[in-house]
């Protein structure tokens, strides 16, 4: 009887752990509306589509929009634009499609 009780307890603890992990992973997904707003914000600030910088800008801005923080979302777009502007003074191509652009290294992904 004690072994059965122990097994049921371990099963319950394992189930709760899996439920907690699944709910945490679901919190990272962005809504469609947040992604649209994020793409618009990044485009509005001149971030080049099809680059890692743009993808990072959209992902970070969408998370902010989903949390109800539009000011932070637009700040993400401004940071991506600032990184692109900083690259103009170097010999590297800003936002290079192959990932070698210097703006890709200046913004968090």
PDB file of N, CA and C in Angstrom:
ATOM      1  N   UNK A   1       0.820  -1.199   0.000  1.00  0.00           N
ATOM      2  CA  UNK A   1       0.000   0.000   0.000  1.00  0.00           C
ATOM      3  C   UNK A   1       0.866   1.266   0.000  1.00  0.00           C
ATOM      4  N   UNK A   2       1.985   1.239   0.721  1.00  0.00           N
ATOM      5  CA  UNK A   2       2.868   2.399   0.787  1.00  0.00           C
ATOM      6  C   UNK A   2       3.520   2.662  -0.573  1.00  0.00           C
ATOM      7  N   UNK A   3       3.828   1.585  -1.301  1.00  0.00           N
ATOM      8  CA  UNK A   3       4.440   1.736  -2.614  1.00  0.00           C
ATOM      9  C   UNK A   3       3.440   2.364  -3.578  1.00  0.00           C
ATOM     10  N   UNK A   4       2.202   1.967  -3.512  1.00  0.00           N
ATOM     11  CA  UNK A   4       1.162   2.529  -4.379  1.00  0.00           C
ATOM     12  C   UNK A   4       0.976   4.018  -4.095  1.00  0.00           C
ATOM     13  N   UNK A   5       0.966   4.369  -2.810  1.00  0.00           N
ATOM     14  CA  UNK A   5       0.826   5.775  -2.422  1.00  0.00           C
ATOM     15  C   UNK A   5       2.018   6.592  -2.927  1.00  0.00           C
ATOM     16  N   UNK A   6       3.227   6.034  -2.812  1.00  0.00           N
ATOM     17  CA  UNK A   6       4.435   6.712  -3.290  1.00  0.00           C
ATOM     18  C   UNK A   6       4.366   6.903  -4.803  1.00  0.00           C
ATOM     19  N   UNK A   7       3.971   5.875  -5.535  1.00  0.00           N
ATOM     20  CA  UNK A   7       3.883   5.971  -6.996  1.00  0.00           C
ATOM     21  C   UNK A   7       2.854   7.016  -7.424  1.00  0.00           C
ATOM     22  N   UNK A   8       1.724   7.056  -6.758  1.00  0.00           N
ATOM     23  CA  UNK A   8       0.709   8.058  -7.084  1.00  0.00           C
ATOM     24  C   UNK A   8       1.207   9.470  -6.790  1.00  0.00           C
ATOM     25  N   UNK A   9       1.940   9.624  -5.697  1.00  0.00           N
ATOM     26  CA  UNK A   9       2.498  10.918  -5.356  1.00  0.00           C
ATOM     27  C   UNK A   9       3.511  11.365  -6.410  1.00  0.00           C
ATOM     28  N   UNK A  10       4.380  10.467  -6.852  1.00  0.00           N
ATOM     29  CA  UNK A  10       5.378  10.799  -7.872  1.00  0.00           C
ATOM     30  C   UNK A  10       4.699  11.120  -9.210  1.00  0.00           C
ATOM     31  N   UNK A  11       3.651  10.408  -9.532  1.00  0.00           N
ATOM     32  CA  UNK A  11       2.905  10.676 -10.752  1.00  0.00           C
ATOM     33  C   UNK A  11       2.279  12.071 -10.702  1.00  0.00           C
ATOM     34  N   UNK A  12       1.724  12.435  -9.561  1.00  0.00           N
ATOM     35  CA  UNK A  12       1.115  13.756  -9.405  1.00  0.00           C
ATOM     36  C   UNK A  12       2.163  14.861  -9.491  1.00  0.00           C
ATOM     37  N   UNK A  13       3.301  14.673  -8.850  1.00  0.00           N
ATOM     38  CA  UNK A  13       4.373  15.671  -8.888  1.00  0.00           C
ATOM     39  C   UNK A  13       4.896  15.824 -10.311  1.00  0.00           C
ATOM     40  N   UNK A  14       5.075  14.708 -11.009  1.00  0.00           N
ATOM     41  CA  UNK A  14       5.535  14.757 -12.395  1.00  0.00           C
ATOM     42  C   UNK A  14       4.541  15.477 -13.292  1.00  0.00           C
ATOM     43  N   UNK A  15       3.262  15.230 -13.096  1.00  0.00           N
ATOM     44  CA  UNK A  15       2.225  15.895 -13.892  1.00  0.00           C
ATOM     45  C   UNK A  15       2.203  17.394 -13.653  1.00  0.00           C
ATOM     46  N   UNK A  16       2.343  17.795 -12.402  1.00  0.00           N
ATOM     47  CA  UNK A  16       2.368  19.223 -12.079  1.00  0.00           C
ATOM     48  C   UNK A  16       3.601  19.897 -12.681  1.00  0.00           C
ATOM     49  N   UNK A  17       4.717  19.211 -12.651  1.00  0.00           N
ATOM     50  CA  UNK A  17       5.937  19.765 -13.242  1.00  0.00           C
ATOM     51  C   UNK A  17       5.775  19.951 -14.742  1.00  0.00           C
ATOM     52  N   UNK A  18       5.216  18.956 -15.413  1.00  0.00           N
ATOM     53  CA  UNK A  18       5.002  19.060 -16.863  1.00  0.00           C
ATOM     54  C   UNK A  18       4.016  20.175 -17.190  1.00  0.00           C
ATOM     55  N   UNK A  19       2.989  20.329 -16.387  1.00  0.00           N
ATOM     56  CA  UNK A  19       2.013  21.397 -16.623  1.00  0.00           C
ATOM     57  C   UNK A  19       2.656  22.768 -16.449  1.00  0.00           C
ATOM     58  N   UNK A  20       3.524  22.905 -15.470  1.00  0.00           N
ATOM     59  CA  UNK A  20       4.203  24.184 -15.250  1.00  0.00           C
ATOM     60  C   UNK A  20       5.133  24.514 -16.405  1.00  0.00           C
ATOM     61  N   UNK A  21       5.846  23.524 -16.914  1.00  0.00           N
ATOM     62  CA  UNK A  21       6.762  23.748 -18.033  1.00  0.00           C
ATOM     63  C   UNK A  21       5.979  24.109 -19.286  1.00  0.00           C
ATOM     64  N   UNK A  22       4.878  23.417 -19.545  1.00  0.00           N
ATOM     65  CA  UNK A  22       4.066  23.688 -20.740  1.00  0.00           C
ATOM     66  C   UNK A  22       3.458  25.084 -20.693  1.00  0.00           C
ATOM     67  N   UNK A  23       3.008  25.520 -19.532  1.00  0.00           N
ATOM     68  CA  UNK A  23       2.420  26.855 -19.446  1.00  0.00           C
ATOM     69  C   UNK A  23       3.474  27.935 -19.610  1.00  0.00           C
ATOM     70  N   UNK A  24       4.694  27.683 -19.154  1.00  0.00           N
ATOM     71  CA  UNK A  24       5.768  28.653 -19.317  1.00  0.00           C
ATOM     72  C   UNK A  24       6.162  28.781 -20.786  1.00  0.00           C
ATOM     73  N   UNK A  25       6.228  27.666 -21.500  1.00  0.00           N
ATOM     74  CA  UNK A  25       6.570  27.701 -22.921  1.00  0.00           C
ATOM     75  C   UNK A  25       5.493  28.413 -23.723  1.00  0.00           C
ATOM     76  N   UNK A  26       4.247  28.244 -23.373  1.00  0.00           N
ATOM     77  CA  UNK A  26       3.156  28.905 -24.082  1.00  0.00           C
ATOM     78  C   UNK A  26       3.176  30.407 -23.901  1.00  0.00           C
ATOM     79  N   UNK A  27       3.761  30.876 -22.818  1.00  0.00           N
ATOM     80  CA  UNK A  27       3.809  32.313 -22.560  1.00  0.00           C
ATOM     81  C   UNK A  27       4.752  33.034 -23.513  1.00  0.00           C
ATOM     82  N   UNK A  28       5.656  32.290 -24.166  1.00  0.00           N
ATOM     83  CA  UNK A  28       6.608  32.911 -25.079  1.00  0.00           C
ATOM     84  C   UNK A  28       6.041  33.122 -26.478  1.00  0.00           C
ATOM     85  N   UNK A  29       4.910  32.526 -26.786  1.00  0.00           N
ATOM     86  CA  UNK A  29       4.318  32.675 -28.115  1.00  0.00           C
ATOM     87  C   UNK A  29       3.656  34.049 -28.223  1.00  0.00           C
ATOM     88  N   UNK A  30       3.798  34.655 -29.403  1.00  0.00           N
ATOM     89  CA  UNK A  30       3.198  35.971 -29.617  1.00  0.00           C
ATOM     90  C   UNK A  30       1.887  35.808 -30.380  1.00  0.00           C
ATOM     91  N   UNK A  31       0.946  36.679 -30.075  1.00  0.00           N
ATOM     92  CA  UNK A  31      -0.320  36.665 -30.796  1.00  0.00           C
ATOM     93  C   UNK A  31      -0.109  37.236 -32.196  1.00  0.00           C
ATOM     94  N   UNK A  32      -1.007  36.885 -33.098  1.00  0.00           N
ATOM     95  CA  UNK A  32      -0.922  37.388 -34.463  1.00  0.00           C
ATOM     96  C   UNK A  32      -0.991  38.899 -34.531  1.00  0.00           C
ATOM     97  N   UNK A  33      -1.862  39.481 -33.713  1.00  0.00           N
ATOM     98  CA  UNK A  33      -2.013  40.934 -33.706  1.00  0.00           C
ATOM     99  C   UNK A  33      -0.724  41.603 -33.225  1.00  0.00           C
ATOM    100  N   UNK A  34      -0.078  41.028 -32.213  1.00  0.00           N
ATOM    101  CA  UNK A  34       1.169  41.597 -31.703  1.00  0.00           C
ATOM    102  C   UNK A  34       2.265  41.523 -32.763  1.00  0.00           C
ATOM    103  N   UNK A  35       2.299  40.433 -33.523  1.00  0.00           N
ATOM    104  CA  UNK A  35       3.302  40.304 -34.582  1.00  0.00           C
ATOM    105  C   UNK A  35       3.086  41.343 -35.680  1.00  0.00           C
ATOM    106  N   UNK A  36       1.820  41.594 -36.029  1.00  0.00           N
ATOM    107  CA  UNK A  36       1.525  42.611 -37.054  1.00  0.00           C
ATOM    108  C   UNK A  36       1.966  43.991 -36.573  1.00  0.00           C
ATOM    109  N   UNK A  37       1.618  44.324 -35.332  1.00  0.00           N
ATOM    110  CA  UNK A  37       2.024  45.616 -34.776  1.00  0.00           C
ATOM    111  C   UNK A  37       3.552  45.721 -34.717  1.00  0.00           C
ATOM    112  N   UNK A  38       4.209  44.628 -34.339  1.00  0.00           N
ATOM    113  CA  UNK A  38       5.668  44.630 -34.212  1.00  0.00           C
ATOM    114  C   UNK A  38       6.328  44.828 -35.574  1.00  0.00           C
ATOM    115  N   UNK A  39       5.838  44.119 -36.589  1.00  0.00           N
ATOM    116  CA  UNK A  39       6.405  44.297 -37.931  1.00  0.00           C
ATOM    117  C   UNK A  39       6.229  45.736 -38.398  1.00  0.00           C
ATOM    118  N   UNK A  40       5.057  46.291 -38.137  1.00  0.00           N
ATOM    119  CA  UNK A  40       4.798  47.679 -38.528  1.00  0.00           C
ATOM    120  C   UNK A  40       5.774  48.627 -37.823  1.00  0.00           C
ATOM    121  N   UNK A  41       5.973  48.413 -36.527  1.00  0.00           N
ATOM    122  CA  UNK A  41       6.879  49.280 -35.763  1.00  0.00           C
ATOM    123  C   UNK A  41       8.303  49.193 -36.304  1.00  0.00           C
ATOM    124  N   UNK A  42       8.769  47.977 -36.576  1.00  0.00           N
ATOM    125  CA  UNK A  42      10.145  47.813 -37.068  1.00  0.00           C
ATOM    126  C   UNK A  42      10.300  48.405 -38.461  1.00  0.00           C
ATOM    127  N   UNK A  43       9.299  48.229 -39.310  1.00  0.00           N
ATOM    128  CA  UNK A  43       9.350  48.830 -40.646  1.00  0.00           C
ATOM    129  C   UNK A  43       9.300  50.346 -40.561  1.00  0.00           C
ATOM    130  N   UNK A  44       8.473  50.851 -39.663  1.00  0.00           N
ATOM    131  CA  UNK A  44       8.330  52.298 -39.482  1.00  0.00           C
ATOM    132  C   UNK A  44       9.658  52.943 -39.087  1.00  0.00           C
ATOM    133  N   UNK A  45      10.468  52.212 -38.328  1.00  0.00           N
ATOM    134  CA  UNK A  45      11.764  52.739 -37.895  1.00  0.00           C
ATOM    135  C   UNK A  45      12.890  52.373 -38.849  1.00  0.00           C
ATOM    136  N   UNK A  46      12.560  51.840 -40.020  1.00  0.00           N
ATOM    137  CA  UNK A  46      13.557  51.618 -41.062  1.00  0.00           C
ATOM    138  C   UNK A  46      14.410  50.385 -40.926  1.00  0.00           C
ATOM    139  N   UNK A  47      13.958  49.395 -40.172  1.00  0.00           N
ATOM    140  CA  UNK A  47      14.711  48.153 -40.054  1.00  0.00           C
ATOM    141  C   UNK A  47      14.430  47.320 -41.304  1.00  0.00           C
ATOM    142  N   UNK A  48      15.477  46.810 -41.936  1.00  0.00           N
ATOM    143  CA  UNK A  48      15.355  46.111 -43.208  1.00  0.00           C
ATOM    144  C   UNK A  48      14.750  44.726 -43.030  1.00  0.00           C
ATOM    145  N   UNK A  49      13.627  44.445 -43.707  1.00  0.00           N
ATOM    146  CA  UNK A  49      13.013  43.108 -43.625  1.00  0.00           C
ATOM    147  C   UNK A  49      13.944  42.033 -44.182  1.00  0.00           C
ATOM    148  N   UNK A  50      13.802  40.828 -43.681  1.00  0.00           N
ATOM    149  CA  UNK A  50      14.597  39.709 -44.165  1.00  0.00           C
ATOM    150  C   UNK A  50      15.964  39.606 -43.532  1.00  0.00           C
ATOM    151  N   UNK A  51      16.208  40.362 -42.470  1.00  0.00           N
ATOM    152  CA  UNK A  51      17.502  40.311 -41.789  1.00  0.00           C
ATOM    153  C   UNK A  51      17.308  39.776 -40.377  1.00  0.00           C
ATOM    154  N   UNK A  52      18.407  39.347 -39.774  1.00  0.00           N
ATOM    155  CA  UNK A  52      18.320  38.885 -38.380  1.00  0.00           C
ATOM    156  C   UNK A  52      17.929  40.038 -37.463  1.00  0.00           C
ATOM    157  N   UNK A  53      18.382  41.221 -37.778  1.00  0.00           N
ATOM    158  CA  UNK A  53      18.029  42.385 -36.970  1.00  0.00           C
ATOM    159  C   UNK A  53      16.522  42.610 -37.008  1.00  0.00           C
ATOM    160  N   UNK A  54      15.931  42.483 -38.197  1.00  0.00           N
ATOM    161  CA  UNK A  54      14.485  42.658 -38.329  1.00  0.00           C
ATOM    162  C   UNK A  54      13.737  41.574 -37.556  1.00  0.00           C
ATOM    163  N   UNK A  55      14.186  40.336 -37.696  1.00  0.00           N
ATOM    164  CA  UNK A  55      13.525  39.229 -36.996  1.00  0.00           C
ATOM    165  C   UNK A  55      13.603  39.424 -35.475  1.00  0.00           C
ATOM    166  N   UNK A  56      14.772  39.850 -34.993  1.00  0.00           N
ATOM    167  CA  UNK A  56      14.911  40.111 -33.562  1.00  0.00           C
ATOM    168  C   UNK A  56      14.055  41.277 -33.112  1.00  0.00           C
ATOM    169  N   UNK A  57      14.002  42.308 -33.942  1.00  0.00           N
ATOM    170  CA  UNK A  57      13.177  43.480 -33.642  1.00  0.00           C
ATOM    171  C   UNK A  57      11.712  43.069 -33.519  1.00  0.00           C
ATOM    172  N   UNK A  58      11.242  42.288 -34.489  1.00  0.00           N
ATOM    173  CA  UNK A  58       9.836  41.857 -34.480  1.00  0.00           C
ATOM    174  C   UNK A  58       9.542  40.972 -33.273  1.00  0.00           C
ATOM    175  N   UNK A  59      10.429  40.030 -32.980  1.00  0.00           N
ATOM    176  CA  UNK A  59      10.201  39.125 -31.853  1.00  0.00           C
ATOM    177  C   UNK A  59      10.140  39.888 -30.530  1.00  0.00           C
ATOM    178  N   UNK A  60      11.094  40.782 -30.318  1.00  0.00           N
ATOM    179  CA  UNK A  60      11.128  41.533 -29.054  1.00  0.00           C
ATOM    180  C   UNK A  60       9.969  42.517 -28.953  1.00  0.00           C
ATOM    181  N   UNK A  61       9.643  43.178 -30.050  1.00  0.00           N
ATOM    182  CA  UNK A  61       8.529  44.131 -30.028  1.00  0.00           C
ATOM    183  C   UNK A  61       7.205  43.407 -29.828  1.00  0.00           C
ATOM    184  N   UNK A  62       7.048  42.231 -30.444  1.00  0.00           N
ATOM    185  CA  UNK A  62       5.801  41.471 -30.287  1.00  0.00           C
ATOM    186  C   UNK A  62       5.600  41.038 -28.841  1.00  0.00           C
ATOM    187  N   UNK A  63       6.675  40.612 -28.198  1.00  0.00           N
ATOM    188  CA  UNK A  63       6.574  40.248 -26.780  1.00  0.00           C
ATOM    189  C   UNK A  63       6.100  41.445 -25.960  1.00  0.00           C
ATOM    190  N   UNK A  64       6.647  42.608 -26.257  1.00  0.00           N
ATOM    191  CA  UNK A  64       6.258  43.818 -25.524  1.00  0.00           C
ATOM    192  C   UNK A  64       4.797  44.169 -25.797  1.00  0.00           C
ATOM    193  N   UNK A  65       4.362  44.077 -27.059  1.00  0.00           N
ATOM    194  CA  UNK A  65       2.954  44.348 -27.374  1.00  0.00           C
ATOM    195  C   UNK A  65       2.032  43.369 -26.645  1.00  0.00           C
ATOM    196  N   UNK A  66       2.420  42.097 -26.598  1.00  0.00           N
ATOM    197  CA  UNK A  66       1.594  41.103 -25.897  1.00  0.00           C
ATOM    198  C   UNK A  66       1.496  41.395 -24.407  1.00  0.00           C
ATOM    199  N   UNK A  67       2.530  41.982 -23.844  1.00  0.00           N
ATOM    200  CA  UNK A  67       2.506  42.326 -22.415  1.00  0.00           C
ATOM    201  C   UNK A  67       1.802  43.652 -22.156  1.00  0.00           C
ATOM    202  N   UNK A  68       1.352  44.311 -23.232  1.00  0.00           N
ATOM    203  CA  UNK A  68       0.676  45.595 -23.066  1.00  0.00           C
ATOM    204  C   UNK A  68       1.637  46.747 -22.848  1.00  0.00           C
ATOM    205  N   UNK A  69       2.847  46.642 -23.405  1.00  0.00           N
ATOM    206  CA  UNK A  69       3.867  47.671 -23.247  1.00  0.00           C
ATOM    207  C   UNK A  69       4.277  48.225 -24.610  1.00  0.00           C
ATOM    208  N   UNK A  70       3.407  49.002 -25.266  1.00  0.00           N
ATOM    209  CA  UNK A  70       3.741  49.501 -26.603  1.00  0.00           C
ATOM    210  C   UNK A  70       4.952  50.431 -26.612  1.00  0.00           C
ATOM    211  N   UNK A  71       5.180  51.171 -25.540  1.00  0.00           N
ATOM    212  CA  UNK A  71       6.355  52.052 -25.489  1.00  0.00           C
ATOM    213  C   UNK A  71       7.638  51.234 -25.576  1.00  0.00           C
ATOM    214  N   UNK A  72       7.669  50.107 -24.878  1.00  0.00           N
ATOM    215  CA  UNK A  72       8.833  49.231 -24.923  1.00  0.00           C
ATOM    216  C   UNK A  72       8.980  48.615 -26.311  1.00  0.00           C
ATOM    217  N   UNK A  73       7.870  48.295 -26.957  1.00  0.00           N
ATOM    218  CA  UNK A  73       7.914  47.728 -28.309  1.00  0.00           C
ATOM    219  C   UNK A  73       8.552  48.715 -29.281  1.00  0.00           C
ATOM    220  N   UNK A  74       8.144  49.964 -29.212  1.00  0.00           N
ATOM    221  CA  UNK A  74       8.734  50.974 -30.094  1.00  0.00           C
ATOM    222  C   UNK A  74      10.183  51.261 -29.720  1.00  0.00           C
ATOM    223  N   UNK A  75      10.525  51.108 -28.450  1.00  0.00           N
ATOM    224  CA  UNK A  75      11.920  51.268 -28.037  1.00  0.00           C
ATOM    225  C   UNK A  75      12.786  50.180 -28.677  1.00  0.00           C
ATOM    226  N   UNK A  76      12.259  48.960 -28.785  1.00  0.00           N
ATOM    227  CA  UNK A  76      12.993  47.877 -29.453  1.00  0.00           C
ATOM    228  C   UNK A  76      13.269  48.247 -30.905  1.00  0.00           C
ATOM    229  N   UNK A  77      12.280  48.833 -31.566  1.00  0.00           N
ATOM    230  CA  UNK A  77      12.454  49.250 -32.962  1.00  0.00           C
ATOM    231  C   UNK A  77      13.488  50.370 -33.067  1.00  0.00           C
ATOM    232  N   UNK A  78      13.481  51.290 -32.110  1.00  0.00           N
ATOM    233  CA  UNK A  78      14.469  52.376 -32.132  1.00  0.00           C
ATOM    234  C   UNK A  78      15.886  51.843 -31.922  1.00  0.00           C
ATOM    235  N   UNK A  79      16.030  50.841 -31.063  1.00  0.00           N
ATOM    236  CA  UNK A  79      17.345  50.246 -30.823  1.00  0.00           C
ATOM    237  C   UNK A  79      17.857  49.588 -32.104  1.00  0.00           C
ATOM    238  N   UNK A  80      16.984  48.885 -32.804  1.00  0.00           N
ATOM    239  CA  UNK A  80      17.396  48.245 -34.061  1.00  0.00           C
ATOM    240  C   UNK A  80      17.806  49.302 -35.089  1.00  0.00           C
ATOM    241  N   UNK A  81      17.055  50.396 -35.147  1.00  0.00           N
ATOM    242  CA  UNK A  81      17.409  51.475 -36.080  1.00  0.00           C
ATOM    243  C   UNK A  81      18.749  52.095 -35.693  1.00  0.00           C
ATOM    244  N   UNK A  82      18.964  52.319 -34.408  1.00  0.00           N
ATOM    245  CA  UNK A  82      20.220  52.907 -33.937  1.00  0.00           C
ATOM    246  C   UNK A  82      21.404  52.000 -34.271  1.00  0.00           C
ATOM    247  N   UNK A  83      21.204  50.702 -34.159  1.00  0.00           N
ATOM    248  CA  UNK A  83      22.270  49.760 -34.506  1.00  0.00           C
ATOM    249  C   UNK A  83      22.600  49.872 -35.989  1.00  0.00           C
ATOM    250  N   UNK A  84      21.573  50.004 -36.811  1.00  0.00           N
ATOM    251  CA  UNK A  84      21.786  50.146 -38.258  1.00  0.00           C
ATOM    252  C   UNK A  84      22.538  51.446 -38.560  1.00  0.00           C
ATOM    253  N   UNK A  85      22.154  52.518 -37.901  1.00  0.00           N
ATOM    254  CA  UNK A  85      22.816  53.808 -38.113  1.00  0.00           C
ATOM    255  C   UNK A  85      24.280  53.745 -37.685  1.00  0.00           C
ATOM    256  N   UNK A  86      24.557  53.044 -36.599  1.00  0.00           N
ATOM    257  CA  UNK A  86      25.940  52.917 -36.127  1.00  0.00           C
ATOM    258  C   UNK A  86      26.790  52.160 -37.137  1.00  0.00           C
ATOM    259  N   UNK A  87      26.178  51.236 -37.859  1.00  0.00           N
ATOM    260  CA  UNK A  87      26.917  50.452 -38.853  1.00  0.00           C
ATOM    261  C   UNK A  87      27.312  51.275 -40.066  1.00  0.00           C
ATOM    262  N   UNK A  88      26.601  52.339 -40.328  1.00  0.00           N
ATOM    263  CA  UNK A  88      26.908  53.134 -41.519  1.00  0.00           C
ATOM    264  C   UNK A  88      28.316  53.710 -41.473  1.00  0.00           C
ATOM    265  N   UNK A  89      28.888  53.840 -40.281  1.00  0.00           N
ATOM    266  CA  UNK A  89      30.227  54.411 -40.165  1.00  0.00           C
ATOM    267  C   UNK A  89      31.315  53.334 -40.226  1.00  0.00           C
ATOM    268  N   UNK A  90      30.935  52.069 -40.435  1.00  0.00           N
ATOM    269  CA  UNK A  90      31.920  50.992 -40.521  1.00  0.00           C
ATOM    270  C   UNK A  90      32.007  50.492 -41.957  1.00  0.00           C
ATOM    271  N   UNK A  91      32.926  49.559 -42.167  1.00  0.00           N
ATOM    272  CA  UNK A  91      33.074  49.012 -43.512  1.00  0.00           C
ATOM    273  C   UNK A  91      32.159  47.820 -43.760  1.00  0.00           C
ATOM    274  N   UNK A  92      31.421  47.373 -42.760  1.00  0.00           N
ATOM    275  CA  UNK A  92      30.500  46.246 -42.940  1.00  0.00           C
ATOM    276  C   UNK A  92      29.165  46.740 -43.481  1.00  0.00           C
ATOM    277  N   UNK A  93      28.476  45.862 -44.164  1.00  0.00           N
ATOM    278  CA  UNK A  93      27.168  46.189 -44.705  1.00  0.00           C
ATOM    279  C   UNK A  93      26.130  46.073 -43.585  1.00  0.00           C
ATOM    280  N   UNK A  94      25.348  47.130 -43.330  1.00  0.00           N
ATOM    281  CA  UNK A  94      24.302  47.015 -42.317  1.00  0.00           C
ATOM    282  C   UNK A  94      23.258  45.997 -42.740  1.00  0.00           C
ATOM    283  N   UNK A  95      22.838  45.167 -41.816  1.00  0.00           N
ATOM    284  CA  UNK A  95      21.733  44.222 -42.039  1.00  0.00           C
ATOM    285  C   UNK A  95      21.965  43.285 -43.212  1.00  0.00           C
ATOM    286  N   UNK A  96      23.164  42.782 -43.381  1.00  0.00           N
ATOM    287  CA  UNK A  96      23.433  41.868 -44.492  1.00  0.00           C
ATOM    288  C   UNK A  96      22.584  40.614 -44.359  1.00  0.00           C
ATOM    289  N   UNK A  97      22.053  40.153 -45.469  1.00  0.00           N
ATOM    290  CA  UNK A  97      21.164  38.989 -45.475  1.00  0.00           C
ATOM    291  C   UNK A  97      21.894  37.748 -44.970  1.00  0.00           C
ATOM    292  N   UNK A  98      23.177  37.607 -45.244  1.00  0.00           N
ATOM    293  CA  UNK A  98      23.906  36.405 -44.843  1.00  0.00           C
ATOM    294  C   UNK A  98      24.273  36.400 -43.358  1.00  0.00           C
ATOM    295  N   UNK A  99      23.856  37.401 -42.615  1.00  0.00           N
ATOM    296  CA  UNK A  99      24.105  37.440 -41.180  1.00  0.00           C
ATOM    297  C   UNK A  99      25.421  38.094 -40.805  1.00  0.00           C
ATOM    298  N   UNK A 100      26.165  38.607 -41.780  1.00  0.00           N
ATOM    299  CA  UNK A 100      27.446  39.222 -41.478  1.00  0.00           C
ATOM    300  C   UNK A 100      27.320  40.720 -41.204  1.00  0.00           C
ATOM    301  N   UNK A 101      26.123  41.234 -41.204  1.00  0.00           N
ATOM    302  CA  UNK A 101      25.930  42.660 -40.974  1.00  0.00           C
ATOM    303  C   UNK A 101      26.252  43.047 -39.557  1.00  0.00           C
ATOM    304  N   UNK A 102      26.803  44.223 -39.387  1.00  0.00           N
ATOM    305  CA  UNK A 102      27.218  44.627 -38.050  1.00  0.00           C
ATOM    306  C   UNK A 102      26.025  44.939 -37.146  1.00  0.00           C
ATOM    307  N   UNK A 103      24.890  45.333 -37.692  1.00  0.00           N
ATOM    308  CA  UNK A 103      23.728  45.618 -36.847  1.00  0.00           C
ATOM    309  C   UNK A 103      23.247  44.359 -36.147  1.00  0.00           C
ATOM    310  N   UNK A 104      23.480  43.201 -36.762  1.00  0.00           N
ATOM    311  CA  UNK A 104      23.054  41.956 -36.139  1.00  0.00           C
ATOM    312  C   UNK A 104      23.804  41.679 -34.853  1.00  0.00           C
ATOM    313  N   UNK A 105      25.000  42.202 -34.733  1.00  0.00           N
ATOM    314  CA  UNK A 105      25.760  41.999 -33.512  1.00  0.00           C
ATOM    315  C   UNK A 105      25.477  43.043 -32.448  1.00  0.00           C
ATOM    316  N   UNK A 106      24.797  44.118 -32.796  1.00  0.00           N
ATOM    317  CA  UNK A 106      24.565  45.194 -31.839  1.00  0.00           C
ATOM    318  C   UNK A 106      23.204  45.112 -31.159  1.00  0.00           C
ATOM    319  N   UNK A 107      22.339  44.239 -31.635  1.00  0.00           N
ATOM    320  CA  UNK A 107      21.021  44.119 -31.023  1.00  0.00           C
ATOM    321  C   UNK A 107      20.887  42.742 -30.418  1.00  0.00           C
ATOM    322  N   UNK A 108      20.211  42.637 -29.297  1.00  0.00           N
ATOM    323  CA  UNK A 108      20.031  41.334 -28.658  1.00  0.00           C
ATOM    324  C   UNK A 108      19.026  40.519 -29.449  1.00  0.00           C
ATOM    325  N   UNK A 109      19.229  39.227 -29.484  1.00  0.00           N
ATOM    326  CA  UNK A 109      18.334  38.345 -30.245  1.00  0.00           C
ATOM    327  C   UNK A 109      17.492  37.516 -29.326  1.00  0.00           C
TER     328      UNK A 109
END
